Protein backbone atom coordinates (compact mmCIF):
# COMPACT_ATOMS: atom_id res chain seq x y z
CA UNK A 1 23.91 -117.61 72.52
CA UNK A 2 26.04 -115.27 74.73
CA UNK A 3 28.36 -117.02 77.20
CA UNK A 4 28.36 -115.21 80.61
CA UNK A 5 29.85 -118.15 82.52
CA UNK A 6 32.82 -116.05 83.67
CA UNK A 7 30.54 -113.61 85.47
CA UNK A 8 28.82 -116.36 87.65
CA UNK A 9 31.10 -116.77 90.69
CA UNK A 10 29.65 -120.34 91.12
CA UNK A 11 31.01 -121.14 87.63
CA UNK A 12 27.68 -123.15 86.95
CA UNK A 13 24.17 -122.56 85.57
CA UNK A 14 21.41 -121.42 87.82
CA UNK A 15 19.01 -124.42 88.32
CA UNK A 16 15.73 -122.99 89.68
CA UNK A 17 12.65 -124.14 87.82
CA UNK A 18 9.85 -121.53 88.01
CA UNK A 19 7.52 -124.23 89.27
CA UNK A 20 9.53 -125.25 92.24
CA UNK A 21 8.96 -121.96 94.13
CA UNK A 22 5.75 -120.65 95.74
CA UNK A 23 7.36 -117.23 96.31
CA UNK A 24 5.17 -114.90 94.19
CA UNK A 25 6.00 -111.49 95.64
CA UNK A 26 9.48 -110.23 96.47
CA UNK A 27 10.43 -108.96 99.96
CA UNK A 28 10.25 -105.32 99.04
CA UNK A 29 6.40 -105.70 97.92
CA UNK A 30 5.02 -104.38 101.22
CA UNK A 31 7.37 -101.31 101.24
CA UNK A 32 6.03 -99.86 98.01
CA UNK A 33 3.34 -97.05 97.83
CA UNK A 34 1.50 -99.03 95.05
CA UNK A 35 2.65 -102.19 93.03
CA UNK A 36 3.83 -100.45 89.98
CA UNK A 37 7.09 -100.65 88.18
CA UNK A 38 8.15 -97.77 85.73
CA UNK A 39 9.43 -99.67 82.73
CA UNK A 40 12.89 -98.97 81.31
CA UNK A 41 12.29 -96.51 78.43
CA UNK A 42 14.90 -96.49 75.70
CA UNK A 43 16.52 -92.98 75.31
CA UNK A 44 13.98 -91.63 77.83
CA UNK A 45 14.68 -93.11 81.41
CA UNK A 46 17.68 -91.42 83.08
CA UNK A 47 18.78 -91.09 86.87
CA UNK A 48 16.41 -88.27 87.73
CA UNK A 49 13.28 -90.19 86.47
CA UNK A 50 14.40 -93.39 88.29
CA UNK A 51 15.38 -91.64 91.53
CA UNK A 52 12.01 -89.84 91.80
CA UNK A 53 10.17 -93.05 91.06
CA UNK A 54 11.99 -94.77 93.94
CA UNK A 55 11.54 -91.91 96.38
CA UNK A 56 7.83 -92.00 95.82
CA UNK A 57 7.49 -95.76 96.40
CA UNK A 58 7.54 -97.35 92.98
CA UNK A 59 10.28 -99.33 91.21
CA UNK A 60 12.24 -97.03 88.86
CA UNK A 61 14.25 -98.62 86.04
CA UNK A 62 16.29 -97.59 83.12
CA UNK A 63 18.29 -99.27 80.14
CA UNK A 64 22.04 -99.48 80.63
CA UNK A 65 22.34 -98.43 76.99
CA UNK A 66 20.75 -95.24 77.80
CA UNK A 67 24.28 -94.11 78.59
CA UNK A 68 26.67 -94.12 75.69
CA UNK A 69 29.37 -95.93 77.57
CA UNK A 70 29.75 -98.61 80.30
CA UNK A 71 31.71 -96.01 82.25
CA UNK A 72 28.96 -93.49 82.07
CA UNK A 73 26.33 -96.28 82.99
CA UNK A 74 28.35 -97.12 86.16
CA UNK A 75 28.30 -93.34 86.94
CA UNK A 76 24.51 -93.25 86.67
CA UNK A 77 24.24 -96.27 89.01
CA UNK A 78 26.53 -94.63 91.60
CA UNK A 79 24.39 -91.52 91.35
CA UNK A 80 21.17 -93.29 91.91
CA UNK A 81 22.46 -95.25 94.89
CA UNK A 82 24.00 -92.27 96.52
CA UNK A 83 20.86 -90.16 96.09
CA UNK A 84 18.50 -92.95 97.37
CA UNK A 85 20.81 -93.58 100.32
CA UNK A 86 20.86 -89.80 101.14
CA UNK A 87 17.07 -89.71 100.87
CA UNK A 88 16.63 -92.62 103.25
CA UNK A 89 18.93 -90.95 105.72
CA UNK A 90 17.12 -87.46 105.65
CA UNK A 91 13.61 -88.91 105.80
CA UNK A 92 13.78 -92.22 107.56
CA UNK A 93 11.77 -93.70 104.65
CA UNK A 94 12.74 -96.65 102.77
CA UNK A 95 12.94 -95.98 98.93
CA UNK A 96 11.75 -98.56 96.51
CA UNK A 97 14.57 -100.51 94.61
CA UNK A 98 15.69 -99.61 91.14
CA UNK A 99 16.34 -101.75 88.27
CA UNK A 100 18.58 -101.85 85.12
CA UNK A 101 17.64 -103.42 81.77
CA UNK A 102 20.10 -105.49 80.09
CA UNK A 103 19.74 -106.46 76.32
CA UNK A 104 21.02 -110.19 76.40
CA UNK A 105 21.88 -110.43 72.59
CA UNK A 106 24.96 -110.95 70.53
CA UNK A 107 24.04 -107.48 68.91
CA UNK A 108 24.73 -105.78 72.10
CA UNK A 109 28.60 -105.59 72.58
CA UNK A 110 28.39 -104.25 76.15
CA UNK A 111 26.47 -106.99 77.86
CA UNK A 112 29.46 -108.61 79.74
CA UNK A 113 30.80 -105.12 80.75
CA UNK A 114 27.32 -103.69 81.87
CA UNK A 115 26.66 -107.01 83.79
CA UNK A 116 29.89 -106.58 85.66
CA UNK A 117 28.87 -103.12 86.74
CA UNK A 118 25.44 -104.58 87.95
CA UNK A 119 27.27 -107.22 90.01
CA UNK A 120 29.88 -104.78 91.27
CA UNK A 121 27.14 -102.28 92.63
CA UNK A 122 24.71 -105.03 93.55
CA UNK A 123 22.00 -103.54 91.46
CA UNK A 124 18.69 -104.80 93.18
CA UNK A 125 16.79 -105.73 89.91
CA UNK A 126 18.06 -106.77 86.59
CA UNK A 127 15.55 -106.87 83.86
CA UNK A 128 16.55 -108.85 80.86
CA UNK A 129 15.37 -108.63 77.27
CA UNK A 130 15.73 -111.06 74.05
CA UNK A 131 17.59 -113.85 76.01
CA UNK A 132 17.26 -115.55 79.39
CA UNK A 133 20.74 -116.86 80.27
CA UNK A 134 21.09 -118.99 83.52
CA UNK A 135 24.79 -117.74 84.04
CA UNK A 136 23.45 -114.30 84.12
CA UNK A 137 20.80 -115.23 86.54
CA UNK A 138 23.45 -116.83 88.68
CA UNK A 139 25.57 -113.80 88.73
CA UNK A 140 22.78 -111.58 89.87
CA UNK A 141 21.58 -114.17 92.53
CA UNK A 142 25.12 -114.26 93.83
CA UNK A 143 24.72 -111.06 95.63
CA UNK A 144 21.07 -111.32 96.36
CA UNK A 145 19.63 -109.62 93.11
CA UNK A 146 16.46 -110.42 91.34
CA UNK A 147 16.18 -111.07 87.65
CA UNK A 148 13.01 -110.27 85.69
CA UNK A 149 12.64 -111.25 82.13
CA UNK A 150 10.18 -109.93 79.53
CA UNK A 151 8.23 -112.29 77.22
CA UNK A 152 5.42 -112.13 74.82
CA UNK A 153 4.31 -115.89 74.64
CA UNK A 154 4.39 -119.10 76.77
CA UNK A 155 7.27 -120.52 74.94
CA UNK A 156 9.42 -117.52 76.06
CA UNK A 157 8.15 -118.14 79.67
CA UNK A 158 9.15 -121.78 79.75
CA UNK A 159 12.67 -120.88 78.51
CA UNK A 160 12.99 -118.04 81.17
CA UNK A 161 11.70 -120.42 83.91
CA UNK A 162 14.39 -122.98 82.96
CA UNK A 163 17.08 -120.17 83.32
CA UNK A 164 15.73 -119.58 86.90
CA UNK A 165 14.58 -116.05 86.81
CA UNK A 166 12.59 -114.67 89.58
CA UNK A 167 9.87 -112.97 87.58
CA UNK A 168 8.36 -112.55 84.09
CA UNK A 169 7.16 -109.34 82.57
CA UNK A 170 4.22 -110.30 80.33
CA UNK A 171 4.26 -107.76 77.37
CA UNK A 172 0.84 -108.05 76.06
CA UNK A 173 -1.00 -106.46 73.17
CA UNK A 174 -1.03 -102.61 73.17
CA UNK A 175 2.35 -102.22 75.04
CA UNK A 176 4.81 -99.56 73.83
CA UNK A 177 8.10 -100.38 72.44
CA UNK A 178 8.38 -104.23 71.36
CA UNK A 179 4.77 -105.20 72.40
CA UNK A 180 3.30 -108.46 72.08
CA UNK A 181 0.10 -109.52 70.27
CA UNK A 182 -1.74 -111.67 72.89
CA UNK A 183 -4.57 -110.41 75.04
CA UNK A 184 -3.37 -109.87 78.63
CA UNK A 185 -5.87 -112.24 80.15
CA UNK A 186 -4.95 -115.12 77.88
CA UNK A 187 -1.24 -114.32 78.34
CA UNK A 188 -1.57 -114.43 82.17
CA UNK A 189 -3.65 -117.60 82.02
CA UNK A 190 -1.16 -119.30 79.83
CA UNK A 191 1.95 -118.27 81.75
CA UNK A 192 0.52 -119.38 85.21
CA UNK A 193 0.45 -122.93 83.81
CA UNK A 194 4.25 -123.03 83.67
CA UNK A 195 5.49 -120.29 86.12
CA UNK A 196 4.36 -119.44 89.67
CA UNK A 197 6.85 -116.62 90.71
CA UNK A 198 6.36 -113.05 90.24
CA UNK A 199 4.07 -111.78 87.42
CA UNK A 200 4.34 -108.33 86.06
CA UNK A 201 1.80 -107.23 83.40
CA UNK A 202 2.62 -104.80 80.59
CA UNK A 203 0.42 -103.31 78.04
CA UNK A 204 -1.89 -100.28 77.99
CA UNK A 205 -1.55 -99.58 81.61
CA UNK A 206 -1.68 -95.82 82.26
CA UNK A 207 -3.94 -95.28 85.35
CA UNK A 208 -4.33 -96.46 88.78
CA UNK A 209 -7.53 -98.19 87.64
CA UNK A 210 -5.58 -100.01 84.99
CA UNK A 211 -2.94 -101.15 87.68
CA UNK A 212 -5.86 -102.56 89.93
CA UNK A 213 -7.18 -104.30 86.91
CA UNK A 214 -3.80 -105.86 86.34
CA UNK A 215 -3.81 -107.46 89.82
CA UNK A 216 -7.41 -108.54 89.46
CA UNK A 217 -6.29 -110.58 86.36
CA UNK A 218 -3.41 -112.22 88.56
CA UNK A 219 -0.56 -110.12 88.13
CA UNK A 220 1.69 -108.89 91.10
CA UNK A 221 2.75 -105.73 89.54
CA UNK A 222 1.54 -103.33 86.94
CA UNK A 223 4.32 -102.33 84.44
CA UNK A 224 4.10 -98.74 83.12
CA UNK A 225 6.12 -97.14 80.28
CA UNK A 226 4.16 -94.83 78.20
CA UNK A 227 2.66 -93.08 81.16
CA UNK A 228 6.15 -92.17 82.35
CA UNK A 229 7.40 -90.72 79.09
CA UNK A 230 4.99 -87.76 79.95
CA UNK A 231 6.55 -86.75 83.09
CA UNK A 232 8.67 -83.70 83.98
CA UNK A 233 11.71 -85.90 84.75
CA UNK A 234 11.90 -87.89 81.53
CA UNK A 235 14.36 -87.22 78.83
CA UNK A 236 11.74 -87.18 76.19
CA UNK A 237 11.43 -84.04 73.94
CA UNK A 238 8.50 -81.71 74.37
CA UNK A 239 7.34 -82.53 70.99
CA UNK A 240 7.19 -86.16 71.88
CA UNK A 241 5.25 -85.47 75.05
CA UNK A 242 2.77 -83.23 72.98
CA UNK A 243 2.21 -86.01 70.37
CA UNK A 244 1.33 -88.45 73.12
CA UNK A 245 -1.24 -85.98 74.67
CA UNK A 246 -2.80 -85.41 71.16
CA UNK A 247 -2.80 -89.11 70.17
CA UNK A 248 -5.20 -92.02 70.83
CA UNK A 249 -5.00 -95.75 70.42
CA UNK A 250 -5.80 -95.51 66.60
CA UNK A 251 -2.64 -93.42 66.33
CA UNK A 252 -0.31 -96.31 67.32
CA UNK A 253 1.26 -98.46 64.52
CA UNK A 254 2.56 -102.02 65.20
CA UNK A 255 5.46 -102.48 62.70
CA UNK A 256 8.84 -104.15 62.20
CA UNK A 257 10.05 -101.31 59.78
CA UNK A 258 12.05 -99.36 62.43
CA UNK A 259 14.04 -101.98 64.20
CA UNK A 260 13.46 -105.23 62.39
CA UNK A 261 11.32 -106.45 65.43
CA UNK A 262 7.59 -105.53 65.74
CA UNK A 263 7.08 -102.58 67.96
CA UNK A 264 4.35 -99.79 68.44
CA UNK A 265 5.02 -96.43 67.22
CA UNK A 266 3.24 -93.09 67.13
CA UNK A 267 1.87 -92.73 63.51
CA UNK A 268 2.53 -89.03 63.29
CA UNK A 269 6.22 -89.58 63.99
CA UNK A 270 6.42 -92.19 61.38
CA UNK A 271 4.86 -89.86 58.91
CA UNK A 272 6.99 -86.98 59.76
CA UNK A 273 10.08 -89.16 58.87
CA UNK A 274 8.33 -89.90 55.47
CA UNK A 275 7.65 -93.62 56.49
CA UNK A 276 4.29 -94.40 54.51
CA UNK A 277 1.76 -96.89 55.41
CA UNK A 278 3.18 -99.17 52.63
CA UNK A 279 6.61 -98.98 54.28
CA UNK A 280 5.46 -99.65 57.75
CA UNK A 281 3.47 -102.69 56.65
CA UNK A 282 6.67 -104.09 55.23
CA UNK A 283 8.32 -106.60 57.52
CA UNK A 284 11.86 -105.61 56.34
CA UNK A 285 13.79 -103.06 58.40
CA UNK A 286 14.35 -99.68 56.98
CA UNK A 287 18.04 -98.80 56.32
CA UNK A 288 18.76 -95.67 58.45
CA UNK A 289 22.33 -95.34 57.33
CA UNK A 290 24.89 -98.23 56.31
CA UNK A 291 27.64 -96.07 57.80
CA UNK A 292 26.27 -96.59 61.39
CA UNK A 293 26.90 -99.50 63.75
CA UNK A 294 23.88 -101.63 64.54
CA UNK A 295 23.56 -99.87 68.09
CA UNK A 296 24.01 -96.35 66.58
CA UNK A 297 21.33 -97.11 63.86
CA UNK A 298 18.81 -98.39 66.46
CA UNK A 299 19.36 -95.27 68.53
CA UNK A 300 19.00 -93.00 65.66
CA UNK A 301 15.82 -94.65 64.58
CA UNK A 302 14.12 -94.62 68.06
CA UNK A 303 15.31 -90.98 68.67
CA UNK A 304 13.31 -89.60 65.62
CA UNK A 305 10.61 -92.20 65.38
CA UNK A 306 8.80 -92.25 68.73
CA UNK A 307 7.35 -95.22 70.38
CA UNK A 308 4.22 -95.40 72.64
CA UNK A 309 1.48 -97.93 73.60
CA UNK A 310 -2.16 -97.96 73.31
CA UNK A 311 -2.40 -96.22 76.80
CA UNK A 312 -1.90 -92.97 75.19
CA UNK A 313 -5.51 -92.63 75.16
CA UNK A 314 -5.55 -91.99 78.85
CA UNK A 315 -2.66 -89.53 78.93
CA UNK A 316 -3.50 -85.72 78.67
CA UNK A 317 -0.86 -84.11 80.88
CA UNK A 318 2.81 -84.14 81.85
CA UNK A 319 2.97 -84.03 85.67
CA UNK A 320 6.12 -84.51 88.00
CA UNK A 321 6.52 -88.18 89.16
CA UNK A 322 5.44 -87.19 92.51
CA UNK A 323 2.21 -85.88 91.25
CA UNK A 324 1.77 -88.84 88.95
CA UNK A 325 2.29 -91.40 91.72
CA UNK A 326 -0.14 -89.51 94.01
CA UNK A 327 -2.72 -89.64 91.28
CA UNK A 328 -2.07 -93.22 90.48
CA UNK A 329 -2.40 -94.33 94.18
CA UNK A 330 -5.66 -92.40 94.45
CA UNK A 331 -7.12 -93.96 91.35
CA UNK A 332 -5.73 -97.51 92.54
CA UNK A 333 -7.11 -97.32 95.96
CA UNK A 334 -10.57 -96.01 94.73
CA UNK A 335 -10.82 -98.84 92.24
CA UNK A 336 -9.86 -101.50 94.74
CA UNK A 337 -12.57 -100.10 97.11
CA UNK A 338 -15.21 -100.14 94.28
CA UNK A 339 -14.34 -103.82 93.68
CA UNK A 340 -14.65 -104.74 97.34
CA UNK A 341 -18.13 -103.09 97.65
CA UNK A 342 -19.39 -105.63 94.92
CA UNK A 343 -19.06 -108.17 97.75
CA UNK A 344 -22.04 -106.63 99.30
CA UNK A 345 -24.23 -107.38 96.32
CA UNK A 346 -22.74 -110.56 94.77
């Protein structure tokens, strides 16, 4: 377990059980264009993508590790804050908040330094992965920030609730990256038994209709990752974007062979690296180079083997973030209206 006690100005653990709060939606909820969070995409999300998401009324996020150094990460945070502040001054509109993803695990040597940057610059939303640590939650809460933690099962939700997180990201079957295996309906139902704060649903959400369905199932937000790979502002290579357009759900392979943890990857990218079906069915991580550090090896693997979720089946273009959000909102509103029309019949 990583100790982050020194970063909590209160010097103690956060003590906020998820069942003690009836606050489901954050204060910024009504300021959004649509209730969507663009997920932090490893090696793909950069300042440009985050800024455009926030300008267009959805939450933009990125992994701290997408910059090679903590110093560079801090410059990205400053850039995002400055450009969003300038946008608000020029337009009189309030930008959506942005968030940073921190990997809370002992294999991440930067966790303490990167958290200090989040506290220093009062990053509005911190998304934690692999570990829910109460000291980290306390550090973020000290300046009024929110902590959302991603989970794939009820047990993880219970641990995160004990740590005092403000919301849970429910990573269900079909999500890109380290996706879960549970159906989203059952996952939401299970988590609601132990947690009643903000719920964010992830897994095969690529359209405004999908986002509306997520809310119908009981989520407060839809969490979109794969859909934002195919935007003009993402850092993805053109070949990656083309592969997503040319793929469907059957081209997604769930394997632990790349990172040691099960994740969804595009089959053509696995095959291009010479990874056979026999190899991706193996639960043992492939050695991409013993001379590399764990972090460098992980980045090398994910840069050449491309991750995506089942939502690729709905993606056939590569618009700007502005164009995409406009389309998502149109689909979302239309879907909600169609649902409301059913009240006249049933």
